[in-house]
Amino acid sequence: MDKIELAPGHRITRVIKGGWQLAGGHGAVDRDAGIEDMIAFADAGITTFDCADIYTGVEAMIGDFRAEYERVRGAEALSGIKVHTKFVPDLGSLATLTREDVAKAIETSLGRLKMERLDLVQFHWWDYEIDRQVEVAGWLAELREQGKIANIGGTNFDTVQMQRILDAGVPLVSMQVQYSLVDDRPRRSLAAAAQKAGVQLLCYGSVAGGLFSDRMLGVPEPQPPFENRSINKYKLIVDEFGGWALFQDLLKVLDSIAKAHGSDIASVASRAVLERPGVAAVIVGARNRNHMDRNLAIPDLALTSEEFGRINTVLARAKPVPGDVYTLERDRNGKHGSVMKYNLNTAGH
């Protein structure tokens, strides 16, 4: 598995195992099986894991995985495991959040993950109108100076807000963003600004919650109620992109390319995102190891310029998803924002 240096001493795999699907919103989770799957991913070469303090139970599950991995594989093997978590304060607490609240949240994550220092904390802020995001990011920087955090990243900040945090002296190394063949919002301004500042992109949504898959090729347009929130979220993006018929045209092209490489639609879609400037890694939301071999093969897919040309021919017919990174999702009264859950941290902290 290809690796890339996200920060000095922090090398990650270009495919990251995501954790949102283990939070229970995508079906029942078998904890022991989940830990066994993490061990299998790590043994196979995917040694970077993504989670968040609001993914119910996932930090603790990864903490148990780390303890088990050290027991069965040793301390040296454990040293190669990187865990990316997130600090996501509740919408309801943004106005009153204190430095002590932030410190307590980080201590909670340290305890769950069984770590003395967090590898990467990715900071998310729900509402720019409550204009304290730069101040709170500065408190994370203080915790980094105290040795509680090794690296700081952001999650879903747009170009202006990312730059404000950087200008305040917060040493961001990464920005986690939604980026896919149907959602190119990071490409417009954030990617260039991030590259200029040395901030690398960690991309979720490259397979659009499973809509980029062989099983979706040639099927009628999905209708609500959807199987889970993820399908709901990404189907809205497909609608913005140009609708189901255009999406099917894209799937047909990806399927043809996949067959030429002995691959599948999801892997080709992820590889195309991995190719974009400034992208360090894609995050695959694997509930289990069923598609692990395909996940491992993503960085080695060598798509030709002709194949990219065929993809771009379809994309040229699409409508741009409006706004900068996460702009649509920040409208809590809109259809995109209504999918989100804004106050998942209160019980945890």
Protein backbone atom coordinates (compact mmCIF):
# COMPACT_ATOMS: atom_id res chain seq x y z
CA MET A 1 0.00 0.00 0.00
CA ASP A 2 1.38 3.38 -1.03
CA LYS A 3 2.09 5.77 1.81
CA ILE A 4 2.44 9.53 1.89
CA GLU A 5 3.87 11.88 4.51
CA LEU A 6 1.05 14.01 5.88
CA ALA A 7 3.39 15.71 8.34
CA PRO A 8 6.94 15.04 9.56
CA GLY A 9 6.88 11.62 11.22
CA HIS A 10 3.26 11.03 10.22
CA ARG A 11 3.07 8.69 7.24
CA ILE A 12 -0.35 7.44 6.19
CA THR A 13 -1.70 4.96 3.68
CA ARG A 14 -3.32 6.53 0.62
CA VAL A 15 -6.43 4.50 1.38
CA ILE A 16 -7.78 5.10 4.90
CA LYS A 17 -10.28 2.81 6.60
CA GLY A 18 -13.24 4.95 7.64
CA GLY A 19 -15.19 4.50 10.86
CA TRP A 20 -18.58 6.18 10.35
CA GLN A 21 -20.18 2.92 9.21
CA LEU A 22 -19.27 1.34 12.55
CA ALA A 23 -21.24 3.89 14.56
CA GLY A 24 -24.46 1.91 14.29
CA GLY A 25 -26.34 4.04 11.77
CA HIS A 26 -25.70 1.54 9.00
CA GLY A 27 -26.93 -1.57 10.81
CA ALA A 28 -25.95 -3.68 13.80
CA VAL A 29 -22.25 -3.75 14.65
CA ASP A 30 -20.48 -6.86 15.93
CA ARG A 31 -17.71 -5.40 18.09
CA ASP A 32 -15.44 -8.44 18.10
CA ALA A 33 -15.81 -8.89 14.35
CA GLY A 34 -15.10 -5.19 13.86
CA ILE A 35 -11.82 -5.48 15.75
CA GLU A 36 -10.85 -8.60 13.79
CA ASP A 37 -11.57 -6.69 10.57
CA MET A 38 -9.30 -3.83 11.70
CA ILE A 39 -6.51 -6.32 12.36
CA ALA A 40 -7.03 -7.80 8.89
CA PHE A 41 -6.87 -4.35 7.27
CA ALA A 42 -3.69 -3.47 9.18
CA ASP A 43 -2.04 -6.78 8.33
CA ALA A 44 -2.92 -6.29 4.67
CA GLY A 45 -1.32 -2.84 4.59
CA ILE A 46 -4.10 -0.32 5.30
CA THR A 47 -2.72 1.03 8.56
CA THR A 48 -4.52 4.38 8.81
CA PHE A 49 -7.94 4.60 10.47
CA ASP A 50 -10.42 7.48 10.57
CA CYS A 51 -12.97 8.09 13.32
CA ALA A 52 -14.53 10.90 15.35
CA ASP A 53 -15.63 11.66 18.87
CA ILE A 54 -19.22 11.74 17.59
CA TYR A 55 -19.06 8.29 15.94
CA THR A 56 -20.75 6.41 18.76
CA GLY A 57 -18.48 3.71 20.15
CA VAL A 58 -15.93 3.85 17.34
CA GLU A 59 -13.05 5.54 19.19
CA ALA A 60 -13.37 2.95 21.96
CA MET A 61 -13.47 0.13 19.40
CA ILE A 62 -10.30 1.40 17.77
CA GLY A 63 -8.72 1.70 21.21
CA ASP A 64 -9.49 -1.98 21.85
CA PHE A 65 -8.12 -2.82 18.39
CA ARG A 66 -4.88 -0.99 19.17
CA ALA A 67 -4.50 -2.91 22.45
CA GLU A 68 -5.18 -6.23 20.72
CA TYR A 69 -2.89 -5.41 17.80
CA GLU A 70 -0.03 -4.63 20.15
CA ARG A 71 -0.68 -7.90 22.00
CA VAL A 72 -0.68 -10.09 18.89
CA ARG A 73 1.72 -8.17 16.61
CA GLY A 74 3.95 -6.26 19.03
CA ALA A 75 4.78 -2.64 19.82
CA GLU A 76 6.75 -2.10 16.62
CA ALA A 77 3.77 -3.08 14.47
CA LEU A 78 1.50 -0.83 16.53
CA SER A 79 3.81 2.13 15.90
CA GLY A 80 2.85 1.97 12.22
CA ILE A 81 -0.86 2.38 12.98
CA LYS A 82 -2.15 5.94 12.59
CA VAL A 83 -5.53 7.01 13.95
CA HIS A 84 -7.25 10.16 12.73
CA THR A 85 -10.05 11.34 14.99
CA LYS A 86 -12.17 14.49 15.01
CA PHE A 87 -13.21 17.10 17.52
CA VAL A 88 -16.83 17.99 16.70
CA PRO A 89 -18.39 20.20 19.38
CA ASP A 90 -22.17 20.24 19.45
CA LEU A 91 -23.98 23.02 17.63
CA GLY A 92 -25.73 23.83 20.90
CA SER A 93 -22.44 24.36 22.74
CA LEU A 94 -20.54 26.52 20.20
CA ALA A 95 -21.44 29.84 21.84
CA THR A 96 -20.44 28.73 25.34
CA LEU A 97 -17.53 26.39 24.61
CA THR A 98 -14.54 26.94 26.91
CA ARG A 99 -10.87 26.04 26.76
CA GLU A 100 -11.56 23.52 29.52
CA ASP A 101 -14.34 21.91 27.46
CA VAL A 102 -11.92 21.42 24.57
CA ALA A 103 -9.26 19.95 26.83
CA LYS A 104 -11.82 17.57 28.34
CA ALA A 105 -12.95 16.44 24.89
CA ILE A 106 -9.37 15.67 23.89
CA GLU A 107 -8.78 13.76 27.14
CA THR A 108 -11.92 11.73 26.42
CA SER A 109 -10.61 10.79 22.98
CA LEU A 110 -7.21 9.91 24.44
CA GLY A 111 -8.86 7.61 26.95
CA ARG A 112 -11.08 5.89 24.43
CA LEU A 113 -8.26 5.37 21.95
CA LYS A 114 -5.80 4.30 24.67
CA MET A 115 -3.24 6.83 23.47
CA GLU A 116 -0.95 9.30 25.21
CA ARG A 117 -0.98 11.65 22.23
CA LEU A 118 -3.54 11.83 19.41
CA ASP A 119 -2.01 11.36 15.96
CA LEU A 120 -4.35 13.78 14.20
CA VAL A 121 -7.33 15.77 15.47
CA GLN A 122 -9.58 17.08 12.69
CA PHE A 123 -11.62 20.06 13.84
CA HIS A 124 -15.19 20.68 12.66
CA TRP A 125 -17.35 23.75 13.29
CA TRP A 126 -21.07 23.78 12.52
CA ASP A 127 -21.95 27.46 12.27
CA TYR A 128 -19.74 30.30 11.02
CA GLU A 129 -22.25 32.83 12.38
CA ILE A 130 -21.05 31.80 15.83
CA ASP A 131 -17.66 33.20 14.95
CA ARG A 132 -15.40 31.41 17.44
CA GLN A 133 -13.84 28.78 15.18
CA VAL A 134 -10.46 30.52 15.00
CA GLU A 135 -10.35 30.93 18.78
CA VAL A 136 -11.20 27.27 19.39
CA ALA A 137 -8.69 26.10 16.78
CA GLY A 138 -6.12 28.08 18.74
CA TRP A 139 -6.97 26.09 21.87
CA LEU A 140 -6.28 22.90 19.93
CA ALA A 141 -2.93 24.37 18.95
CA GLU A 142 -2.20 24.96 22.65
CA LEU A 143 -3.00 21.29 23.38
CA ARG A 144 -0.62 20.35 20.60
CA GLU A 145 2.11 22.39 22.29
CA GLN A 146 1.33 20.53 25.51
CA GLY A 147 1.90 17.19 23.77
CA LYS A 148 -1.72 16.00 23.77
CA ILE A 149 -2.01 16.23 19.97
CA ALA A 150 0.62 15.51 17.34
CA ASN A 151 -1.11 17.13 14.35
CA ILE A 152 -4.17 19.30 13.70
CA GLY A 153 -6.43 19.12 10.66
CA GLY A 154 -9.76 20.56 9.69
CA THR A 155 -13.01 19.00 8.55
CA ASN A 156 -15.35 20.64 6.04
CA PHE A 157 -14.02 24.19 6.33
CA ASP A 158 -14.42 26.30 3.21
CA THR A 159 -11.56 28.23 1.65
CA VAL A 160 -12.08 31.49 3.56
CA GLN A 161 -12.42 29.86 6.96
CA MET A 162 -9.46 27.53 6.42
CA GLN A 163 -7.33 30.54 5.52
CA ARG A 164 -8.48 32.43 8.61
CA ILE A 165 -7.34 29.53 10.82
CA LEU A 166 -4.01 29.30 9.02
CA ASP A 167 -3.49 33.06 9.25
CA ALA A 168 -4.02 32.81 13.01
CA GLY A 169 -0.99 30.53 13.19
CA VAL A 170 -2.75 27.20 13.68
CA PRO A 171 -0.55 24.60 11.93
CA LEU A 172 -3.14 22.69 9.89
CA VAL A 173 -1.66 19.71 8.05
CA SER A 174 -4.85 18.41 6.45
CA MET A 175 -8.42 19.19 5.52
CA GLN A 176 -10.99 16.40 5.33
CA VAL A 177 -13.50 17.17 2.59
CA GLN A 178 -16.22 15.52 0.56
CA TYR A 179 -14.72 14.98 -2.90
CA SER A 180 -15.93 12.72 -5.69
CA LEU A 181 -16.65 12.57 -9.39
CA VAL A 182 -20.10 14.06 -8.67
CA ASP A 183 -18.89 16.63 -6.12
CA ASP A 184 -15.96 18.77 -7.24
CA ARG A 185 -16.45 21.65 -4.81
CA PRO A 186 -12.92 21.35 -3.32
CA ARG A 187 -11.45 21.72 -6.80
CA ARG A 188 -12.66 25.28 -7.26
CA SER A 189 -10.63 27.21 -4.70
CA LEU A 190 -9.89 25.20 -1.57
CA ALA A 191 -7.52 22.70 -3.20
CA ALA A 192 -5.25 25.42 -4.57
CA ALA A 193 -5.26 27.38 -1.30
CA ALA A 194 -4.54 24.20 0.64
CA GLN A 195 -1.64 23.24 -1.62
CA LYS A 196 -0.14 26.72 -1.27
CA ALA A 197 -0.30 26.38 2.53
CA GLY A 198 0.99 22.78 2.63
CA VAL A 199 -2.41 21.42 3.71
CA GLN A 200 -3.24 18.05 2.17
CA LEU A 201 -6.74 16.78 1.41
CA LEU A 202 -8.24 13.66 2.98
CA CYS A 203 -11.32 12.79 0.98
CA TYR A 204 -14.52 11.10 2.02
CA GLY A 205 -17.50 10.37 -0.20
CA SER A 206 -15.42 9.17 -3.16
CA VAL A 207 -17.89 6.30 -3.65
CA ALA A 208 -20.90 8.45 -2.66
CA GLY A 209 -22.09 6.19 0.12
CA GLY A 210 -22.10 3.18 -2.20
CA LEU A 211 -23.87 4.81 -5.14
CA PHE A 212 -20.63 4.37 -7.09
CA SER A 213 -20.89 0.58 -7.22
CA ASP A 214 -21.56 -2.24 -9.65
CA ARG A 215 -24.89 -2.96 -8.00
CA MET A 216 -26.21 0.53 -8.84
CA LEU A 217 -25.51 0.23 -12.57
CA GLY A 218 -28.69 0.01 -14.59
CA VAL A 219 -31.10 0.19 -11.66
CA PRO A 220 -34.09 2.52 -11.36
CA GLU A 221 -33.60 5.75 -9.44
CA PRO A 222 -33.71 5.08 -5.68
CA GLN A 223 -36.69 6.54 -3.86
CA PRO A 224 -37.15 7.42 -0.19
CA PRO A 225 -37.20 6.08 2.41
CA PHE A 226 -33.55 5.25 1.82
CA GLU A 227 -31.58 2.42 3.38
CA ASN A 228 -29.55 4.80 5.55
CA ARG A 229 -28.59 8.46 5.99
CA SER A 230 -25.53 7.99 3.82
CA ILE A 231 -27.59 7.06 0.75
CA ASN A 232 -29.91 9.99 1.44
CA LYS A 233 -26.99 12.40 1.72
CA TYR A 234 -25.25 11.35 -1.48
CA LYS A 235 -28.40 10.92 -3.55
CA LEU A 236 -29.00 14.64 -2.94
CA ILE A 237 -25.54 15.33 -4.39
CA VAL A 238 -26.33 13.20 -7.44
CA ASP A 239 -29.48 15.30 -7.91
CA GLU A 240 -27.37 18.48 -7.80
CA PHE A 241 -24.87 16.92 -10.23
CA GLY A 242 -27.48 16.41 -12.90
CA GLY A 243 -29.76 13.58 -11.92
CA TRP A 244 -29.96 9.82 -12.11
CA ALA A 245 -29.82 9.46 -15.91
CA LEU A 246 -26.55 11.39 -16.13
CA PHE A 247 -25.20 9.47 -13.14
CA GLN A 248 -26.01 6.22 -14.96
CA ASP A 249 -24.04 7.45 -17.98
CA LEU A 250 -21.09 8.02 -15.66
CA LEU A 251 -21.47 4.55 -14.12
CA LYS A 252 -21.44 2.99 -17.59
CA VAL A 253 -18.13 4.66 -18.42
CA LEU A 254 -16.64 3.66 -15.06
CA ASP A 255 -17.86 0.09 -15.54
CA SER A 256 -16.19 -0.14 -18.95
CA ILE A 257 -12.92 1.19 -17.49
CA ALA A 258 -13.16 -1.14 -14.50
CA LYS A 259 -13.61 -4.20 -16.71
CA ALA A 260 -10.50 -3.26 -18.68
CA HIS A 261 -8.52 -3.28 -15.43
CA GLY A 262 -10.17 -6.25 -13.77
CA SER A 263 -11.55 -3.86 -11.18
CA ASP A 264 -14.92 -2.41 -10.15
CA ILE A 265 -16.78 0.88 -10.34
CA ALA A 266 -16.12 1.92 -6.73
CA SER A 267 -12.37 1.43 -7.06
CA VAL A 268 -12.15 3.40 -10.30
CA ALA A 269 -14.21 6.24 -8.79
CA SER A 270 -11.87 6.38 -5.77
CA ARG A 271 -8.74 6.18 -7.92
CA ALA A 272 -9.95 9.12 -10.00
CA VAL A 273 -10.25 11.24 -6.84
CA LEU A 274 -6.85 10.08 -5.58
CA GLU A 275 -5.37 11.44 -8.82
CA ARG A 276 -6.54 14.98 -8.21
CA PRO A 277 -4.02 17.64 -7.13
CA GLY A 278 -3.53 18.00 -3.41
CA VAL A 279 -5.26 14.74 -2.46
CA ALA A 280 -3.25 12.68 0.01
CA ALA A 281 -5.76 9.88 0.62
CA VAL A 282 -9.29 8.65 0.16
CA ILE A 283 -11.33 7.34 3.07
CA VAL A 284 -13.24 4.14 2.33
CA GLY A 285 -16.19 3.49 4.61
CA ALA A 286 -15.64 -0.22 5.14
CA ARG A 287 -17.97 -1.87 7.64
CA ASN A 288 -16.06 -5.14 7.19
CA ARG A 289 -13.32 -6.72 5.09
CA ASN A 290 -15.58 -7.91 2.24
CA HIS A 291 -14.06 -5.42 -0.22
CA MET A 292 -10.61 -5.20 1.36
CA ASP A 293 -8.74 -6.63 -1.64
CA ARG A 294 -10.35 -4.04 -3.90
CA ASN A 295 -9.55 -1.26 -1.42
CA LEU A 296 -5.91 -2.37 -1.39
CA ALA A 297 -5.75 -2.17 -5.18
CA ILE A 298 -7.02 1.42 -5.51
CA PRO A 299 -3.62 3.19 -5.53
CA ASP A 300 -2.24 0.76 -8.13
CA LEU A 301 -4.99 1.33 -10.69
CA ALA A 302 -3.21 3.02 -13.58
CA LEU A 303 -5.92 4.86 -15.50
CA THR A 304 -4.91 6.14 -18.92
CA SER A 305 -5.35 9.65 -20.27
CA GLU A 306 -7.91 8.24 -22.71
CA GLU A 307 -9.90 6.78 -19.79
CA PHE A 308 -9.79 10.06 -17.90
CA GLY A 309 -10.94 11.74 -21.10
CA ARG A 310 -14.00 9.50 -21.28
CA ILE A 311 -14.83 10.28 -17.65
CA ASN A 312 -14.39 14.01 -18.25
CA THR A 313 -16.67 13.89 -21.30
CA VAL A 314 -19.53 12.83 -19.02
CA LEU A 315 -18.55 15.29 -16.29
CA ALA A 316 -18.65 18.13 -18.82
CA ARG A 317 -22.42 17.62 -19.06
CA ALA A 318 -22.92 17.97 -15.28
CA LYS A 319 -24.12 20.94 -13.29
CA PRO A 320 -21.66 22.21 -10.67
CA VAL A 321 -22.76 21.39 -7.13
CA PRO A 322 -23.37 24.90 -5.72
CA GLY A 323 -21.02 26.65 -3.35
CA ASP A 324 -17.70 26.03 -1.67
CA VAL A 325 -16.90 23.01 0.47
CA TYR A 326 -19.86 22.11 2.74
CA THR A 327 -21.82 25.26 1.88
CA LEU A 328 -25.02 23.35 1.10
CA GLU A 329 -24.73 21.25 4.23
CA ARG A 330 -24.44 24.33 6.46
CA ASP A 331 -27.99 25.41 5.63
CA ARG A 332 -29.76 23.61 8.44
CA ASN A 333 -33.16 24.44 6.94
CA GLY A 334 -32.22 23.09 3.53
CA LYS A 335 -32.51 19.53 2.26
CA HIS A 336 -28.78 18.85 2.63
CA GLY A 337 -28.48 20.26 6.13
CA SER A 338 -31.55 18.39 7.35
CA VAL A 339 -29.68 15.10 6.91
CA MET A 340 -27.09 16.10 9.52
CA LYS A 341 -27.15 15.46 13.26
CA TYR A 342 -25.78 18.45 15.13
CA ASN A 343 -25.66 17.50 18.80
CA LEU A 344 -24.11 14.06 19.14
CA ASN A 345 -21.36 14.91 21.61
CA THR A 346 -23.18 16.01 24.76
CA ALA A 347 -23.58 12.53 26.21
CA GLY A 348 -20.03 11.58 25.34
CA HIS A 349 -18.42 14.51 27.10
